[in-house]
């Protein structure tokens, strides 16, 4: 590499020679290992949110909202015809959700 001197006498390399260089890698980059359970399934991390339970929708809710499936995740919101929304609680009961007008 050609070295040049500044007016003060300090050595430096021409700018064109330094551009586009990456630092050398020190060994291969590997992602952190994923912890597995004894069944071989990835284990949840300690800071992971709790898993939502799966619930069966009550017969009354199914009669009122026939487009809601029979088995859903608790807390999920389902959109029906006519832009109506219902949310299923932990007991499987569907209730209207955010039905107010925008404006």
PDB file of N, CA and C in Angstrom:
ATOM      1  N   UNK A   1       0.839  -1.156   0.000  1.00  0.00           N
ATOM      2  CA  UNK A   1       0.000   0.000   0.000  1.00  0.00           C
ATOM      3  C   UNK A   1       0.899   1.239   0.000  1.00  0.00           C
ATOM      4  N   UNK A   2       0.538   2.187  -0.803  1.00  0.00           N
ATOM      5  CA  UNK A   2       1.337   3.392  -0.908  1.00  0.00           C
ATOM      6  C   UNK A   2       1.024   4.340   0.245  1.00  0.00           C
ATOM      7  N   UNK A   3       2.042   4.809   0.931  1.00  0.00           N
ATOM      8  CA  UNK A   3       1.850   5.733   2.039  1.00  0.00           C
ATOM      9  C   UNK A   3       2.217   7.132   1.569  1.00  0.00           C
ATOM     10  N   UNK A   4       1.468   8.106   2.059  1.00  0.00           N
ATOM     11  CA  UNK A   4       1.734   9.503   1.700  1.00  0.00           C
ATOM     12  C   UNK A   4       1.999  10.268   2.993  1.00  0.00           C
ATOM     13  N   UNK A   5       2.550  11.441   2.857  1.00  0.00           N
ATOM     14  CA  UNK A   5       2.834  12.282   4.018  1.00  0.00           C
ATOM     15  C   UNK A   5       2.007  13.560   3.926  1.00  0.00           C
ATOM     16  N   UNK A   6       1.487  13.959   5.097  1.00  0.00           N
ATOM     17  CA  UNK A   6       0.754  15.218   5.165  1.00  0.00           C
ATOM     18  C   UNK A   6       1.763  16.351   5.271  1.00  0.00           C
ATOM     19  N   UNK A   7       1.321  17.593   5.128  1.00  0.00           N
ATOM     20  CA  UNK A   7       2.263  18.720   5.269  1.00  0.00           C
ATOM     21  C   UNK A   7       2.962  18.732   6.627  1.00  0.00           C
ATOM     22  N   UNK A   8       2.319  18.163   7.660  1.00  0.00           N
ATOM     23  CA  UNK A   8       2.979  18.140   8.971  1.00  0.00           C
ATOM     24  C   UNK A   8       3.946  16.972   9.111  1.00  0.00           C
ATOM     25  N   UNK A   9       3.970  16.074   8.136  1.00  0.00           N
ATOM     26  CA  UNK A   9       4.906  14.961   8.170  1.00  0.00           C
ATOM     27  C   UNK A   9       4.298  13.639   8.609  1.00  0.00           C
ATOM     28  N   UNK A  10       2.993  13.624   8.963  1.00  0.00           N
ATOM     29  CA  UNK A  10       2.326  12.403   9.391  1.00  0.00           C
ATOM     30  C   UNK A  10       2.017  11.535   8.174  1.00  0.00           C
ATOM     31  N   UNK A  11       2.234  10.224   8.313  1.00  0.00           N
ATOM     32  CA  UNK A  11       1.936   9.321   7.207  1.00  0.00           C
ATOM     33  C   UNK A  11       0.446   8.979   7.189  1.00  0.00           C
ATOM     34  N   UNK A  12      -0.106   8.845   5.990  1.00  0.00           N
ATOM     35  CA  UNK A  12      -1.486   8.408   5.842  1.00  0.00           C
ATOM     36  C   UNK A  12      -1.641   7.713   4.501  1.00  0.00           C
ATOM     37  N   UNK A  13      -2.677   6.888   4.406  1.00  0.00           N
ATOM     38  CA  UNK A  13      -2.957   6.194   3.156  1.00  0.00           C
ATOM     39  C   UNK A  13      -3.933   7.039   2.345  1.00  0.00           C
ATOM     40  N   UNK A  14      -3.830   6.998   1.035  1.00  0.00           N
ATOM     41  CA  UNK A  14      -4.785   7.744   0.207  1.00  0.00           C
ATOM     42  C   UNK A  14      -6.214   7.258   0.482  1.00  0.00           C
ATOM     43  N   UNK A  15      -7.176   8.172   0.445  1.00  0.00           N
ATOM     44  CA  UNK A  15      -8.555   7.836   0.778  1.00  0.00           C
ATOM     45  C   UNK A  15      -9.130   6.735  -0.120  1.00  0.00           C
ATOM     46  N   UNK A  16      -8.806   6.759  -1.359  1.00  0.00           N
ATOM     47  CA  UNK A  16      -9.352   5.766  -2.283  1.00  0.00           C
ATOM     48  C   UNK A  16      -8.967   4.348  -1.914  1.00  0.00           C
ATOM     49  N   UNK A  17      -7.859   4.176  -1.286  1.00  0.00           N
ATOM     50  CA  UNK A  17      -7.404   2.835  -0.911  1.00  0.00           C
ATOM     51  C   UNK A  17      -8.143   2.311   0.313  1.00  0.00           C
ATOM     52  N   UNK A  18      -8.652   3.199   1.191  1.00  0.00           N
ATOM     53  CA  UNK A  18      -9.302   2.766   2.428  1.00  0.00           C
ATOM     54  C   UNK A  18     -10.797   2.532   2.269  1.00  0.00           C
ATOM     55  N   UNK A  19     -11.392   3.050   1.265  1.00  0.00           N
ATOM     56  CA  UNK A  19     -12.837   2.932   1.122  1.00  0.00           C
ATOM     57  C   UNK A  19     -13.242   1.502   0.785  1.00  0.00           C
ATOM     58  N   UNK A  20     -14.385   1.118   1.289  1.00  0.00           N
ATOM     59  CA  UNK A  20     -14.932  -0.187   0.946  1.00  0.00           C
ATOM     60  C   UNK A  20     -14.303  -1.349   1.686  1.00  0.00           C
ATOM     61  N   UNK A  21     -13.403  -1.093   2.593  1.00  0.00           N
ATOM     62  CA  UNK A  21     -12.787  -2.190   3.336  1.00  0.00           C
ATOM     63  C   UNK A  21     -13.613  -2.529   4.550  1.00  0.00           C
ATOM     64  N   UNK A  22     -13.723  -3.784   4.830  1.00  0.00           N
ATOM     65  CA  UNK A  22     -14.401  -4.252   6.031  1.00  0.00           C
ATOM     66  C   UNK A  22     -13.361  -4.788   7.004  1.00  0.00           C
ATOM     67  N   UNK A  23     -13.652  -4.696   8.280  1.00  0.00           N
ATOM     68  CA  UNK A  23     -12.703  -5.296   9.225  1.00  0.00           C
ATOM     69  C   UNK A  23     -12.693  -6.817   9.067  1.00  0.00           C
ATOM     70  N   UNK A  24     -11.547  -7.388   9.305  1.00  0.00           N
ATOM     71  CA  UNK A  24     -11.415  -8.844   9.162  1.00  0.00           C
ATOM     72  C   UNK A  24     -12.254  -9.550  10.215  1.00  0.00           C
ATOM     73  N   UNK A  25     -12.877 -10.647   9.840  1.00  0.00           N
ATOM     74  CA  UNK A  25     -13.663 -11.435  10.791  1.00  0.00           C
ATOM     75  C   UNK A  25     -12.732 -12.270  11.660  1.00  0.00           C
ATOM     76  N   UNK A  26     -13.118 -12.361  12.899  1.00  0.00           N
ATOM     77  CA  UNK A  26     -12.340 -13.190  13.813  1.00  0.00           C
ATOM     78  C   UNK A  26     -13.195 -14.408  14.117  1.00  0.00           C
ATOM     79  N   UNK A  27     -13.099 -15.409  13.316  1.00  0.00           N
ATOM     80  CA  UNK A  27     -13.883 -16.625  13.495  1.00  0.00           C
ATOM     81  C   UNK A  27     -15.274 -16.495  12.879  1.00  0.00           C
ATOM     82  N   UNK A  28     -15.970 -17.613  12.742  1.00  0.00           N
ATOM     83  CA  UNK A  28     -17.308 -17.581  12.130  1.00  0.00           C
ATOM     84  C   UNK A  28     -18.346 -16.981  13.082  1.00  0.00           C
ATOM     85  N   UNK A  29     -19.339 -16.292  12.522  1.00  0.00           N
ATOM     86  CA  UNK A  29     -20.432 -15.733  13.327  1.00  0.00           C
ATOM     87  C   UNK A  29     -21.549 -16.751  13.385  1.00  0.00           C
ATOM     88  N   UNK A  30     -21.909 -17.118  14.580  1.00  0.00           N
ATOM     89  CA  UNK A  30     -22.978 -18.097  14.768  1.00  0.00           C
ATOM     90  C   UNK A  30     -24.045 -17.492  15.655  1.00  0.00           C
ATOM     91  N   UNK A  31     -25.314 -17.761  15.338  1.00  0.00           N
ATOM     92  CA  UNK A  31     -26.363 -17.254  16.221  1.00  0.00           C
ATOM     93  C   UNK A  31     -26.330 -17.993  17.555  1.00  0.00           C
ATOM     94  N   UNK A  32     -26.916 -17.371  18.560  1.00  0.00           N
ATOM     95  CA  UNK A  32     -26.962 -18.007  19.877  1.00  0.00           C
ATOM     96  C   UNK A  32     -27.781 -19.295  19.782  1.00  0.00           C
ATOM     97  N   UNK A  33     -27.385 -20.342  20.487  1.00  0.00           N
ATOM     98  CA  UNK A  33     -28.132 -21.592  20.409  1.00  0.00           C
ATOM     99  C   UNK A  33     -29.529 -21.435  21.015  1.00  0.00           C
ATOM    100  N   UNK A  34     -30.495 -22.141  20.444  1.00  0.00           N
ATOM    101  CA  UNK A  34     -31.876 -22.094  20.930  1.00  0.00           C
ATOM    102  C   UNK A  34     -32.034 -23.190  21.980  1.00  0.00           C
ATOM    103  N   UNK A  35     -32.481 -22.828  23.192  1.00  0.00           N
ATOM    104  CA  UNK A  35     -32.664 -23.869  24.210  1.00  0.00           C
ATOM    105  C   UNK A  35     -33.842 -24.784  23.837  1.00  0.00           C
ATOM    106  N   UNK A  36     -33.638 -26.094  24.021  1.00  0.00           N
ATOM    107  CA  UNK A  36     -34.676 -27.076  23.694  1.00  0.00           C
ATOM    108  C   UNK A  36     -35.133 -27.793  24.959  1.00  0.00           C
ATOM    109  N   UNK A  37     -36.398 -28.220  24.953  1.00  0.00           N
ATOM    110  CA  UNK A  37     -36.914 -29.035  26.053  1.00  0.00           C
ATOM    111  C   UNK A  37     -36.443 -30.467  25.847  1.00  0.00           C
ATOM    112  N   UNK A  38     -36.747 -31.338  26.797  1.00  0.00           N
ATOM    113  CA  UNK A  38     -36.311 -32.737  26.639  1.00  0.00           C
ATOM    114  C   UNK A  38     -37.034 -33.437  25.495  1.00  0.00           C
ATOM    115  N   UNK A  39     -38.178 -32.871  25.038  1.00  0.00           N
ATOM    116  CA  UNK A  39     -38.880 -33.439  23.870  1.00  0.00           C
ATOM    117  C   UNK A  39     -38.289 -32.936  22.560  1.00  0.00           C
ATOM    118  N   UNK A  40     -37.367 -31.975  22.640  1.00  0.00           N
ATOM    119  CA  UNK A  40     -36.742 -31.445  21.438  1.00  0.00           C
ATOM    120  C   UNK A  40     -37.469 -30.236  20.870  1.00  0.00           C
ATOM    121  N   UNK A  41     -38.396 -29.666  21.619  1.00  0.00           N
ATOM    122  CA  UNK A  41     -39.164 -28.504  21.176  1.00  0.00           C
ATOM    123  C   UNK A  41     -38.469 -27.250  21.705  1.00  0.00           C
ATOM    124  N   UNK A  42     -38.420 -26.171  20.916  1.00  0.00           N
ATOM    125  CA  UNK A  42     -37.805 -24.947  21.439  1.00  0.00           C
ATOM    126  C   UNK A  42     -38.501 -24.475  22.716  1.00  0.00           C
ATOM    127  N   UNK A  43     -37.702 -24.177  23.720  1.00  0.00           N
ATOM    128  CA  UNK A  43     -38.239 -23.747  25.006  1.00  0.00           C
ATOM    129  C   UNK A  43     -38.539 -22.249  24.964  1.00  0.00           C
ATOM    130  N   UNK A  44     -39.541 -21.837  25.735  1.00  0.00           N
ATOM    131  CA  UNK A  44     -39.885 -20.423  25.816  1.00  0.00           C
ATOM    132  C   UNK A  44     -38.835 -19.688  26.633  1.00  0.00           C
ATOM    133  N   UNK A  45     -38.590 -18.461  26.269  1.00  0.00           N
ATOM    134  CA  UNK A  45     -37.649 -17.652  27.027  1.00  0.00           C
ATOM    135  C   UNK A  45     -38.345 -17.098  28.265  1.00  0.00           C
ATOM    136  N   UNK A  46     -37.601 -16.743  29.297  1.00  0.00           N
ATOM    137  CA  UNK A  46     -38.237 -16.248  30.526  1.00  0.00           C
ATOM    138  C   UNK A  46     -39.065 -14.984  30.326  1.00  0.00           C
ATOM    139  N   UNK A  47     -38.702 -14.147  29.353  1.00  0.00           N
ATOM    140  CA  UNK A  47     -39.434 -12.904  29.145  1.00  0.00           C
ATOM    141  C   UNK A  47     -40.553 -13.033  28.105  1.00  0.00           C
ATOM    142  N   UNK A  48     -40.868 -14.257  27.676  1.00  0.00           N
ATOM    143  CA  UNK A  48     -41.923 -14.460  26.683  1.00  0.00           C
ATOM    144  C   UNK A  48     -43.296 -14.220  27.316  1.00  0.00           C
ATOM    145  N   UNK A  49     -44.240 -13.645  26.541  1.00  0.00           N
ATOM    146  CA  UNK A  49     -45.579 -13.438  27.096  1.00  0.00           C
ATOM    147  C   UNK A  49     -46.273 -14.775  27.315  1.00  0.00           C
ATOM    148  N   UNK A  50     -47.211 -14.841  28.249  1.00  0.00           N
ATOM    149  CA  UNK A  50     -47.895 -16.106  28.491  1.00  0.00           C
ATOM    150  C   UNK A  50     -48.726 -16.527  27.278  1.00  0.00           C
ATOM    151  N   UNK A  51     -48.876 -17.810  27.115  1.00  0.00           N
ATOM    152  CA  UNK A  51     -49.620 -18.360  25.986  1.00  0.00           C
ATOM    153  C   UNK A  51     -51.111 -18.191  26.247  1.00  0.00           C
ATOM    154  N   UNK A  52     -51.859 -17.738  25.228  1.00  0.00           N
ATOM    155  CA  UNK A  52     -53.297 -17.578  25.370  1.00  0.00           C
ATOM    156  C   UNK A  52     -53.973 -18.947  25.280  1.00  0.00           C
ATOM    157  N   UNK A  53     -54.943 -19.196  26.168  1.00  0.00           N
ATOM    158  CA  UNK A  53     -55.607 -20.503  26.142  1.00  0.00           C
ATOM    159  C   UNK A  53     -56.596 -20.621  24.980  1.00  0.00           C
ATOM    160  N   UNK A  54     -56.758 -21.839  24.538  1.00  0.00           N
ATOM    161  CA  UNK A  54     -57.753 -22.134  23.507  1.00  0.00           C
ATOM    162  C   UNK A  54     -59.043 -22.491  24.227  1.00  0.00           C
ATOM    163  N   UNK A  55     -60.165 -21.888  23.781  1.00  0.00           N
ATOM    164  CA  UNK A  55     -61.452 -22.116  24.438  1.00  0.00           C
ATOM    165  C   UNK A  55     -62.497 -22.523  23.408  1.00  0.00           C
ATOM    166  N   UNK A  56     -63.535 -23.191  23.883  1.00  0.00           N
ATOM    167  CA  UNK A  56     -64.679 -23.516  23.046  1.00  0.00           C
ATOM    168  C   UNK A  56     -65.697 -22.389  23.181  1.00  0.00           C
ATOM    169  N   UNK A  57     -66.246 -21.941  22.056  1.00  0.00           N
ATOM    170  CA  UNK A  57     -67.232 -20.863  22.064  1.00  0.00           C
ATOM    171  C   UNK A  57     -68.555 -21.431  22.563  1.00  0.00           C
ATOM    172  N   UNK A  58     -69.222 -20.679  23.439  1.00  0.00           N
ATOM    173  CA  UNK A  58     -70.487 -21.152  24.020  1.00  0.00           C
ATOM    174  C   UNK A  58     -71.561 -21.292  22.937  1.00  0.00           C
ATOM    175  N   UNK A  59     -72.534 -22.153  23.212  1.00  0.00           N
ATOM    176  CA  UNK A  59     -73.622 -22.388  22.255  1.00  0.00           C
ATOM    177  C   UNK A  59     -74.429 -21.116  22.027  1.00  0.00           C
ATOM    178  N   UNK A  60     -74.637 -20.329  23.094  1.00  0.00           N
ATOM    179  CA  UNK A  60     -75.385 -19.079  22.953  1.00  0.00           C
ATOM    180  C   UNK A  60     -74.658 -18.103  22.024  1.00  0.00           C
ATOM    181  N   UNK A  61     -73.344 -18.019  22.181  1.00  0.00           N
ATOM    182  CA  UNK A  61     -72.562 -17.129  21.325  1.00  0.00           C
ATOM    183  C   UNK A  61     -72.555 -17.623  19.886  1.00  0.00           C
ATOM    184  N   UNK A  62     -72.494 -18.934  19.709  1.00  0.00           N
ATOM    185  CA  UNK A  62     -72.524 -19.497  18.342  1.00  0.00           C
ATOM    186  C   UNK A  62     -73.868 -19.243  17.683  1.00  0.00           C
ATOM    187  N   UNK A  63     -74.958 -19.271  18.470  1.00  0.00           N
ATOM    188  CA  UNK A  63     -76.282 -19.002  17.911  1.00  0.00           C
ATOM    189  C   UNK A  63     -76.400 -17.521  17.519  1.00  0.00           C
ATOM    190  N   UNK A  64     -75.817 -16.637  18.333  1.00  0.00           N
ATOM    191  CA  UNK A  64     -75.893 -15.201  18.062  1.00  0.00           C
ATOM    192  C   UNK A  64     -74.931 -14.779  16.950  1.00  0.00           C
ATOM    193  N   UNK A  65     -73.745 -15.387  16.912  1.00  0.00           N
ATOM    194  CA  UNK A  65     -72.722 -15.069  15.907  1.00  0.00           C
ATOM    195  C   UNK A  65     -72.305 -16.363  15.209  1.00  0.00           C
ATOM    196  N   UNK A  66     -73.077 -16.828  14.214  1.00  0.00           N
ATOM    197  CA  UNK A  66     -72.789 -18.130  13.594  1.00  0.00           C
ATOM    198  C   UNK A  66     -71.483 -18.179  12.807  1.00  0.00           C
ATOM    199  N   UNK A  67     -70.892 -17.037  12.494  1.00  0.00           N
ATOM    200  CA  UNK A  67     -69.651 -17.023  11.726  1.00  0.00           C
ATOM    201  C   UNK A  67     -68.406 -17.202  12.608  1.00  0.00           C
ATOM    202  N   UNK A  68     -68.586 -17.229  13.919  1.00  0.00           N
ATOM    203  CA  UNK A  68     -67.453 -17.461  14.822  1.00  0.00           C
ATOM    204  C   UNK A  68     -67.193 -18.967  14.885  1.00  0.00           C
ATOM    205  N   UNK A  69     -65.938 -19.402  14.748  1.00  0.00           N
ATOM    206  CA  UNK A  69     -65.646 -20.838  14.827  1.00  0.00           C
ATOM    207  C   UNK A  69     -65.925 -21.391  16.227  1.00  0.00           C
ATOM    208  N   UNK A  70     -66.040 -22.682  16.332  1.00  0.00           N
ATOM    209  CA  UNK A  70     -66.359 -23.319  17.598  1.00  0.00           C
ATOM    210  C   UNK A  70     -65.218 -23.349  18.596  1.00  0.00           C
ATOM    211  N   UNK A  71     -63.985 -23.237  18.124  1.00  0.00           N
ATOM    212  CA  UNK A  71     -62.812 -23.299  19.006  1.00  0.00           C
ATOM    213  C   UNK A  71     -61.883 -22.157  18.614  1.00  0.00           C
ATOM    214  N   UNK A  72     -61.572 -21.271  19.572  1.00  0.00           N
ATOM    215  CA  UNK A  72     -60.772 -20.079  19.277  1.00  0.00           C
ATOM    216  C   UNK A  72     -59.774 -19.821  20.402  1.00  0.00           C
ATOM    217  N   UNK A  73     -58.898 -18.863  20.190  1.00  0.00           N
ATOM    218  CA  UNK A  73     -57.967 -18.423  21.219  1.00  0.00           C
ATOM    219  C   UNK A  73     -58.673 -17.354  22.047  1.00  0.00           C
ATOM    220  N   UNK A  74     -58.610 -17.492  23.358  1.00  0.00           N
ATOM    221  CA  UNK A  74     -59.254 -16.526  24.253  1.00  0.00           C
ATOM    222  C   UNK A  74     -58.667 -15.143  24.021  1.00  0.00           C
ATOM    223  N   UNK A  75     -59.538 -14.147  23.940  1.00  0.00           N
ATOM    224  CA  UNK A  75     -59.104 -12.781  23.705  1.00  0.00           C
ATOM    225  C   UNK A  75     -59.034 -12.402  22.241  1.00  0.00           C
ATOM    226  N   UNK A  76     -59.286 -13.348  21.339  1.00  0.00           N
ATOM    227  CA  UNK A  76     -59.210 -13.030  19.918  1.00  0.00           C
ATOM    228  C   UNK A  76     -60.458 -12.277  19.463  1.00  0.00           C
ATOM    229  N   UNK A  77     -60.280 -11.475  18.425  1.00  0.00           N
ATOM    230  CA  UNK A  77     -61.371 -10.675  17.863  1.00  0.00           C
ATOM    231  C   UNK A  77     -61.703 -11.237  16.492  1.00  0.00           C
ATOM    232  N   UNK A  78     -63.001 -11.455  16.249  1.00  0.00           N
ATOM    233  CA  UNK A  78     -63.465 -12.020  14.984  1.00  0.00           C
ATOM    234  C   UNK A  78     -64.339 -11.004  14.271  1.00  0.00           C
ATOM    235  N   UNK A  79     -64.107 -10.861  12.966  1.00  0.00           N
ATOM    236  CA  UNK A  79     -64.851  -9.916  12.140  1.00  0.00           C
ATOM    237  C   UNK A  79     -65.945 -10.671  11.398  1.00  0.00           C
ATOM    238  N   UNK A  80     -67.143 -10.144  11.484  1.00  0.00           N
ATOM    239  CA  UNK A  80     -68.261 -10.781  10.820  1.00  0.00           C
ATOM    240  C   UNK A  80     -68.763  -9.967   9.651  1.00  0.00           C
ATOM    241  N   UNK A  81     -69.865 -10.392   9.060  1.00  0.00           N
ATOM    242  CA  UNK A  81     -70.440  -9.624   7.961  1.00  0.00           C
ATOM    243  C   UNK A  81     -70.938  -8.273   8.473  1.00  0.00           C
ATOM    244  N   UNK A  82     -70.913  -7.293   7.635  1.00  0.00           N
ATOM    245  CA  UNK A  82     -71.367  -5.970   8.035  1.00  0.00           C
ATOM    246  C   UNK A  82     -70.414  -5.265   8.967  1.00  0.00           C
ATOM    247  N   UNK A  83     -69.155  -5.643   8.972  1.00  0.00           N
ATOM    248  CA  UNK A  83     -68.104  -5.006   9.773  1.00  0.00           C
ATOM    249  C   UNK A  83     -68.336  -5.094  11.276  1.00  0.00           C
ATOM    250  N   UNK A  84     -69.104  -6.052  11.732  1.00  0.00           N
ATOM    251  CA  UNK A  84     -69.253  -6.202  13.180  1.00  0.00           C
ATOM    252  C   UNK A  84     -68.097  -7.047  13.711  1.00  0.00           C
ATOM    253  N   UNK A  85     -67.690  -6.743  14.941  1.00  0.00           N
ATOM    254  CA  UNK A  85     -66.577  -7.451  15.573  1.00  0.00           C
ATOM    255  C   UNK A  85     -67.033  -7.984  16.917  1.00  0.00           C
ATOM    256  N   UNK A  86     -66.542  -9.176  17.247  1.00  0.00           N
ATOM    257  CA  UNK A  86     -66.800  -9.737  18.563  1.00  0.00           C
ATOM    258  C   UNK A  86     -65.481 -10.245  19.137  1.00  0.00           C
ATOM    259  N   UNK A  87     -65.389 -10.150  20.448  1.00  0.00           N
ATOM    260  CA  UNK A  87     -64.207 -10.660  21.141  1.00  0.00           C
ATOM    261  C   UNK A  87     -64.639 -11.816  22.021  1.00  0.00           C
ATOM    262  N   UNK A  88     -63.840 -12.882  22.012  1.00  0.00           N
ATOM    263  CA  UNK A  88     -64.147 -14.076  22.781  1.00  0.00           C
ATOM    264  C   UNK A  88     -63.356 -14.025  24.093  1.00  0.00           C
ATOM    265  N   UNK A  89     -64.045 -14.138  25.228  1.00  0.00           N
ATOM    266  CA  UNK A  89     -63.358 -14.087  26.516  1.00  0.00           C
ATOM    267  C   UNK A  89     -62.871 -15.477  26.938  1.00  0.00           C
ATOM    268  N   UNK A  90     -62.310 -15.580  28.148  1.00  0.00           N
ATOM    269  CA  UNK A  90     -61.726 -16.838  28.638  1.00  0.00           C
ATOM    270  C   UNK A  90     -62.779 -17.917  28.889  1.00  0.00           C
ATOM    271  N   UNK A  91     -64.058 -17.506  28.971  1.00  0.00           N
ATOM    272  CA  UNK A  91     -65.140 -18.476  29.190  1.00  0.00           C
ATOM    273  C   UNK A  91     -65.820 -18.897  27.897  1.00  0.00           C
ATOM    274  N   UNK A  92     -65.376 -18.373  26.758  1.00  0.00           N
ATOM    275  CA  UNK A  92     -65.961 -18.738  25.470  1.00  0.00           C
ATOM    276  C   UNK A  92     -67.182 -17.921  25.105  1.00  0.00           C
ATOM    277  N   UNK A  93     -67.381 -16.799  25.787  1.00  0.00           N
ATOM    278  CA  UNK A  93     -68.537 -15.940  25.512  1.00  0.00           C
ATOM    279  C   UNK A  93     -68.109 -14.830  24.556  1.00  0.00           C
ATOM    280  N   UNK A  94     -68.875 -14.646  23.477  1.00  0.00           N
ATOM    281  CA  UNK A  94     -68.585 -13.608  22.488  1.00  0.00           C
ATOM    282  C   UNK A  94     -69.366 -12.350  22.841  1.00  0.00           C
ATOM    283  N   UNK A  95     -68.659 -11.213  22.842  1.00  0.00           N
ATOM    284  CA  UNK A  95     -69.294  -9.924  23.126  1.00  0.00           C
ATOM    285  C   UNK A  95     -68.862  -8.929  22.051  1.00  0.00           C
ATOM    286  N   UNK A  96     -69.761  -7.979  21.699  1.00  0.00           N
ATOM    287  CA  UNK A  96     -69.359  -6.955  20.712  1.00  0.00           C
ATOM    288  C   UNK A  96     -68.115  -6.219  21.190  1.00  0.00           C
ATOM    289  N   UNK A  97     -67.266  -5.848  20.237  1.00  0.00           N
ATOM    290  CA  UNK A  97     -65.993  -5.215  20.567  1.00  0.00           C
ATOM    291  C   UNK A  97     -65.789  -3.981  19.691  1.00  0.00           C
ATOM    292  N   UNK A  98     -65.528  -2.854  20.330  1.00  0.00           N
ATOM    293  CA  UNK A  98     -65.255  -1.580  19.633  1.00  0.00           C
ATOM    294  C   UNK A  98     -66.273  -1.312  18.542  1.00  0.00           C
ATOM    295  N   UNK A  99     -67.511  -1.163  18.945  1.00  0.00           N
ATOM    296  CA  UNK A  99     -68.574  -0.954  17.966  1.00  0.00           C
ATOM    297  C   UNK A  99     -68.892   0.522  17.759  1.00  0.00           C
ATOM    298  N   UNK A 100     -68.177   1.425  18.445  1.00  0.00           N
ATOM    299  CA  UNK A 100     -68.431   2.853  18.329  1.00  0.00           C
ATOM    300  C   UNK A 100     -68.093   3.350  16.942  1.00  0.00           C
ATOM    301  N   UNK A 101     -68.665   4.494  16.574  1.00  0.00           N
ATOM    302  CA  UNK A 101     -68.386   5.084  15.259  1.00  0.00           C
ATOM    303  C   UNK A 101     -67.115   5.897  15.323  1.00  0.00           C
ATOM    304  N   UNK A 102     -66.459   5.994  14.218  1.00  0.00           N
ATOM    305  CA  UNK A 102     -65.230   6.787  14.122  1.00  0.00           C
ATOM    306  C   UNK A 102     -65.593   8.204  13.696  1.00  0.00           C
ATOM    307  N   UNK A 103     -64.819   9.143  14.176  1.00  0.00           N
ATOM    308  CA  UNK A 103     -65.133  10.464  13.702  1.00  0.00           C
ATOM    309  C   UNK A 103     -64.406  11.543  14.332  1.00  0.00           C
TER     310      UNK A 103
END
